[in-house]
Amino acid sequence: MMCASYWEGAKAPRMAAALLDEMLAARREAGLTQAQAQVAERMGTKAPAVTRLENALASGKHSPSLDTLRKYAAATGKRLEIRFVQP
């Protein structure tokens, strides 16, 4: 998990946008056409929670938990993979 100072830094908006792009692509690939409602049901939550998650990432103001990301990935038929890469 990223430290708060990194997430709050200049790269945070790009990272959040890239993460959101990955999440939305996974949703499309899974054929979840009713978007948040279908993902939410599979995650065991309500559609507004998924909407808030996606909107917060779009604004770059939210760092979701690993558990939330894992559930979103599973809901779209994917698995979460986190790697360290060279800058």
N, C-alpha and C. Protein backbone atom coordinates (compact mmCIF):
# COMPACT_ATOMS: atom_id res chain seq x y z
N MET A 1 0.84 -1.17 0.00
CA MET A 1 0.00 0.00 0.00
C MET A 1 0.89 1.24 0.00
N MET A 2 0.47 2.26 -0.70
CA MET A 2 1.28 3.46 -0.81
C MET A 2 1.17 4.30 0.45
N CYS A 3 2.29 4.96 0.79
CA CYS A 3 2.23 5.84 1.95
C CYS A 3 1.43 7.08 1.57
N ALA A 4 0.88 7.73 2.57
CA ALA A 4 0.00 8.88 2.34
C ALA A 4 0.72 10.00 1.60
N SER A 5 1.99 10.24 1.94
CA SER A 5 2.69 11.34 1.29
C SER A 5 2.85 11.10 -0.21
N TYR A 6 3.05 9.85 -0.61
CA TYR A 6 3.16 9.55 -2.03
C TYR A 6 1.81 9.75 -2.72
N TRP A 7 0.76 9.23 -2.11
CA TRP A 7 -0.57 9.33 -2.71
C TRP A 7 -0.99 10.78 -2.86
N GLU A 8 -0.58 11.63 -1.91
CA GLU A 8 -0.94 13.04 -1.95
C GLU A 8 -0.04 13.84 -2.88
N GLY A 9 1.02 13.23 -3.39
CA GLY A 9 1.97 13.94 -4.24
C GLY A 9 1.46 14.18 -5.63
N ALA A 10 2.34 14.72 -6.46
CA ALA A 10 1.98 15.11 -7.82
C ALA A 10 1.53 13.93 -8.67
N LYS A 11 2.01 12.74 -8.37
CA LYS A 11 1.67 11.57 -9.19
C LYS A 11 0.31 10.98 -8.84
N ALA A 12 -0.25 11.39 -7.74
CA ALA A 12 -1.51 10.81 -7.27
C ALA A 12 -2.63 10.90 -8.28
N PRO A 13 -2.90 12.04 -8.90
CA PRO A 13 -4.01 12.09 -9.87
C PRO A 13 -3.81 11.14 -11.05
N ARG A 14 -2.57 11.03 -11.52
CA ARG A 14 -2.30 10.11 -12.64
C ARG A 14 -2.49 8.66 -12.21
N MET A 15 -2.05 8.35 -10.99
CA MET A 15 -2.20 6.99 -10.49
C MET A 15 -3.67 6.64 -10.31
N ALA A 16 -4.43 7.56 -9.75
CA ALA A 16 -5.86 7.32 -9.55
C ALA A 16 -6.57 7.16 -10.89
N ALA A 17 -6.21 7.98 -11.87
CA ALA A 17 -6.82 7.88 -13.19
C ALA A 17 -6.47 6.55 -13.85
N ALA A 18 -5.23 6.12 -13.71
CA ALA A 18 -4.82 4.83 -14.28
C ALA A 18 -5.55 3.68 -13.61
N LEU A 19 -5.69 3.76 -12.29
CA LEU A 19 -6.42 2.72 -11.56
C LEU A 19 -7.88 2.68 -12.00
N LEU A 20 -8.50 3.84 -12.11
CA LEU A 20 -9.89 3.89 -12.55
C LEU A 20 -10.03 3.34 -13.96
N ASP A 21 -9.11 3.66 -14.85
CA ASP A 21 -9.15 3.11 -16.21
C ASP A 21 -9.11 1.59 -16.18
N GLU A 22 -8.24 1.03 -15.34
CA GLU A 22 -8.14 -0.43 -15.21
C GLU A 22 -9.45 -1.02 -14.69
N MET A 23 -10.04 -0.37 -13.70
CA MET A 23 -11.29 -0.86 -13.12
C MET A 23 -12.42 -0.83 -14.13
N LEU A 24 -12.54 0.27 -14.86
CA LEU A 24 -13.61 0.39 -15.85
C LEU A 24 -13.41 -0.59 -17.00
N ALA A 25 -12.17 -0.81 -17.40
CA ALA A 25 -11.88 -1.79 -18.45
C ALA A 25 -12.27 -3.19 -17.98
N ALA A 26 -11.96 -3.51 -16.74
CA ALA A 26 -12.32 -4.83 -16.20
C ALA A 26 -13.83 -5.00 -16.18
N ARG A 27 -14.54 -3.94 -15.82
CA ARG A 27 -16.01 -4.00 -15.80
C ARG A 27 -16.56 -4.23 -17.20
N ARG A 28 -16.03 -3.51 -18.18
CA ARG A 28 -16.49 -3.69 -19.57
C ARG A 28 -16.19 -5.10 -20.06
N GLU A 29 -14.97 -5.58 -19.80
CA GLU A 29 -14.57 -6.92 -20.24
C GLU A 29 -15.44 -7.99 -19.61
N ALA A 30 -15.94 -7.73 -18.42
CA ALA A 30 -16.81 -8.69 -17.74
C ALA A 30 -18.24 -8.62 -18.24
N GLY A 31 -18.52 -7.64 -19.13
CA GLY A 31 -19.87 -7.50 -19.67
C GLY A 31 -20.87 -6.98 -18.67
N LEU A 32 -20.40 -6.23 -17.70
CA LEU A 32 -21.30 -5.70 -16.67
C LEU A 32 -21.87 -4.38 -17.16
N THR A 33 -22.91 -4.49 -17.97
CA THR A 33 -23.46 -3.32 -18.66
C THR A 33 -24.27 -2.41 -17.75
N GLN A 34 -24.77 -2.93 -16.66
CA GLN A 34 -25.52 -2.08 -15.72
C GLN A 34 -24.57 -1.52 -14.67
N ALA A 35 -23.32 -1.53 -15.01
CA ALA A 35 -22.24 -0.88 -14.29
C ALA A 35 -22.24 -1.10 -12.79
N GLN A 36 -22.37 -0.03 -12.05
CA GLN A 36 -22.18 -0.09 -10.61
C GLN A 36 -23.11 -1.07 -9.91
N ALA A 37 -24.34 -1.20 -10.35
CA ALA A 37 -25.29 -2.09 -9.68
C ALA A 37 -24.82 -3.54 -9.73
N GLN A 38 -24.36 -3.98 -10.88
CA GLN A 38 -23.90 -5.36 -11.01
C GLN A 38 -22.60 -5.60 -10.24
N VAL A 39 -21.68 -4.66 -10.32
CA VAL A 39 -20.43 -4.79 -9.58
C VAL A 39 -20.72 -4.80 -8.09
N ALA A 40 -21.57 -3.89 -7.64
CA ALA A 40 -21.91 -3.80 -6.22
C ALA A 40 -22.51 -5.10 -5.71
N GLU A 41 -23.43 -5.67 -6.47
CA GLU A 41 -24.05 -6.92 -6.04
C GLU A 41 -22.99 -8.01 -5.85
N ARG A 42 -22.07 -8.10 -6.79
CA ARG A 42 -21.02 -9.11 -6.70
C ARG A 42 -20.03 -8.83 -5.58
N MET A 43 -19.89 -7.54 -5.22
CA MET A 43 -18.99 -7.16 -4.12
C MET A 43 -19.66 -7.30 -2.76
N GLY A 44 -20.98 -7.46 -2.76
CA GLY A 44 -21.71 -7.54 -1.50
C GLY A 44 -21.96 -6.17 -0.89
N THR A 45 -22.14 -5.17 -1.75
CA THR A 45 -22.40 -3.82 -1.28
C THR A 45 -23.51 -3.20 -2.13
N LYS A 46 -23.73 -1.93 -1.98
CA LYS A 46 -24.78 -1.22 -2.73
C LYS A 46 -24.15 -0.41 -3.85
N ALA A 47 -24.93 -0.16 -4.90
CA ALA A 47 -24.45 0.59 -6.07
C ALA A 47 -23.88 1.96 -5.71
N PRO A 48 -24.50 2.72 -4.79
CA PRO A 48 -23.92 4.03 -4.46
C PRO A 48 -22.49 3.95 -3.92
N ALA A 49 -22.15 2.86 -3.25
CA ALA A 49 -20.78 2.70 -2.74
C ALA A 49 -19.79 2.57 -3.89
N VAL A 50 -20.17 1.83 -4.92
CA VAL A 50 -19.30 1.68 -6.09
C VAL A 50 -19.22 2.99 -6.85
N THR A 51 -20.34 3.68 -6.96
CA THR A 51 -20.35 4.99 -7.62
C THR A 51 -19.43 5.95 -6.89
N ARG A 52 -19.50 5.98 -5.56
CA ARG A 52 -18.62 6.86 -4.77
C ARG A 52 -17.16 6.50 -4.98
N LEU A 53 -16.86 5.20 -5.01
CA LEU A 53 -15.49 4.74 -5.23
C LEU A 53 -14.97 5.24 -6.57
N GLU A 54 -15.74 5.02 -7.63
CA GLU A 54 -15.31 5.43 -8.96
C GLU A 54 -15.21 6.95 -9.07
N ASN A 55 -16.16 7.67 -8.50
CA ASN A 55 -16.12 9.14 -8.54
C ASN A 55 -14.94 9.69 -7.75
N ALA A 56 -14.65 9.08 -6.61
CA ALA A 56 -13.52 9.53 -5.80
C ALA A 56 -12.21 9.31 -6.53
N LEU A 57 -12.09 8.18 -7.21
CA LEU A 57 -10.87 7.94 -7.99
C LEU A 57 -10.77 8.92 -9.15
N ALA A 58 -11.90 9.22 -9.78
CA ALA A 58 -11.90 10.17 -10.89
C ALA A 58 -11.43 11.54 -10.44
N SER A 59 -11.73 11.90 -9.21
CA SER A 59 -11.32 13.20 -8.68
C SER A 59 -9.91 13.15 -8.09
N GLY A 60 -9.36 11.94 -7.93
CA GLY A 60 -8.04 11.79 -7.36
C GLY A 60 -7.98 12.04 -5.86
N LYS A 61 -9.13 11.96 -5.20
CA LYS A 61 -9.19 12.30 -3.78
C LYS A 61 -9.41 11.09 -2.87
N HIS A 62 -9.22 9.90 -3.39
CA HIS A 62 -9.51 8.73 -2.56
C HIS A 62 -8.50 7.64 -2.85
N SER A 63 -8.06 7.00 -1.81
CA SER A 63 -7.17 5.85 -1.92
C SER A 63 -7.92 4.64 -1.40
N PRO A 64 -8.46 3.81 -2.29
CA PRO A 64 -9.25 2.66 -1.83
C PRO A 64 -8.38 1.64 -1.10
N SER A 65 -9.00 0.90 -0.22
CA SER A 65 -8.27 -0.14 0.50
C SER A 65 -7.97 -1.30 -0.44
N LEU A 66 -6.97 -2.08 -0.07
CA LEU A 66 -6.65 -3.27 -0.86
C LEU A 66 -7.82 -4.24 -0.88
N ASP A 67 -8.53 -4.34 0.23
CA ASP A 67 -9.68 -5.24 0.29
C ASP A 67 -10.76 -4.80 -0.70
N THR A 68 -11.01 -3.49 -0.79
CA THR A 68 -12.01 -2.98 -1.74
C THR A 68 -11.58 -3.28 -3.17
N LEU A 69 -10.31 -3.04 -3.47
CA LEU A 69 -9.81 -3.33 -4.82
C LEU A 69 -9.90 -4.82 -5.14
N ARG A 70 -9.58 -5.65 -4.15
CA ARG A 70 -9.67 -7.11 -4.34
C ARG A 70 -11.10 -7.52 -4.65
N LYS A 71 -12.05 -6.96 -3.91
CA LYS A 71 -13.47 -7.29 -4.13
C LYS A 71 -13.92 -6.81 -5.51
N TYR A 72 -13.50 -5.61 -5.91
CA TYR A 72 -13.87 -5.08 -7.22
C TYR A 72 -13.30 -5.99 -8.31
N ALA A 73 -12.03 -6.38 -8.16
CA ALA A 73 -11.41 -7.27 -9.14
C ALA A 73 -12.17 -8.59 -9.23
N ALA A 74 -12.46 -9.19 -8.10
CA ALA A 74 -13.20 -10.46 -8.09
C ALA A 74 -14.57 -10.30 -8.72
N ALA A 75 -15.22 -9.17 -8.47
CA ALA A 75 -16.55 -8.93 -9.03
C ALA A 75 -16.52 -8.86 -10.55
N THR A 76 -15.37 -8.50 -11.10
CA THR A 76 -15.24 -8.40 -12.56
C THR A 76 -14.53 -9.61 -13.16
N GLY A 77 -14.34 -10.64 -12.35
CA GLY A 77 -13.71 -11.86 -12.84
C GLY A 77 -12.20 -11.75 -12.97
N LYS A 78 -11.62 -10.82 -12.26
CA LYS A 78 -10.17 -10.61 -12.30
C LYS A 78 -9.59 -10.88 -10.92
N ARG A 79 -8.27 -10.82 -10.84
CA ARG A 79 -7.61 -10.88 -9.54
C ARG A 79 -6.73 -9.65 -9.43
N LEU A 80 -6.55 -9.18 -8.24
CA LEU A 80 -5.75 -7.99 -7.99
C LEU A 80 -4.28 -8.39 -7.94
N GLU A 81 -3.46 -7.65 -8.67
CA GLU A 81 -2.02 -7.87 -8.65
C GLU A 81 -1.35 -6.52 -8.42
N ILE A 82 -0.51 -6.45 -7.42
CA ILE A 82 0.20 -5.21 -7.12
C ILE A 82 1.69 -5.50 -7.27
N ARG A 83 2.37 -4.62 -8.00
CA ARG A 83 3.79 -4.83 -8.25
C ARG A 83 4.56 -3.55 -7.95
N PHE A 84 5.82 -3.72 -7.63
CA PHE A 84 6.74 -2.60 -7.52
C PHE A 84 7.51 -2.52 -8.84
N VAL A 85 7.55 -1.34 -9.43
CA VAL A 85 8.24 -1.15 -10.71
C VAL A 85 9.18 0.04 -10.60
N GLN A 86 10.13 0.09 -11.50
CA GLN A 86 11.06 1.21 -11.55
C GLN A 86 10.31 2.48 -11.95
N PRO A 87 10.66 3.62 -11.36
CA PRO A 87 10.00 4.88 -11.72
C PRO A 87 10.32 5.31 -13.15
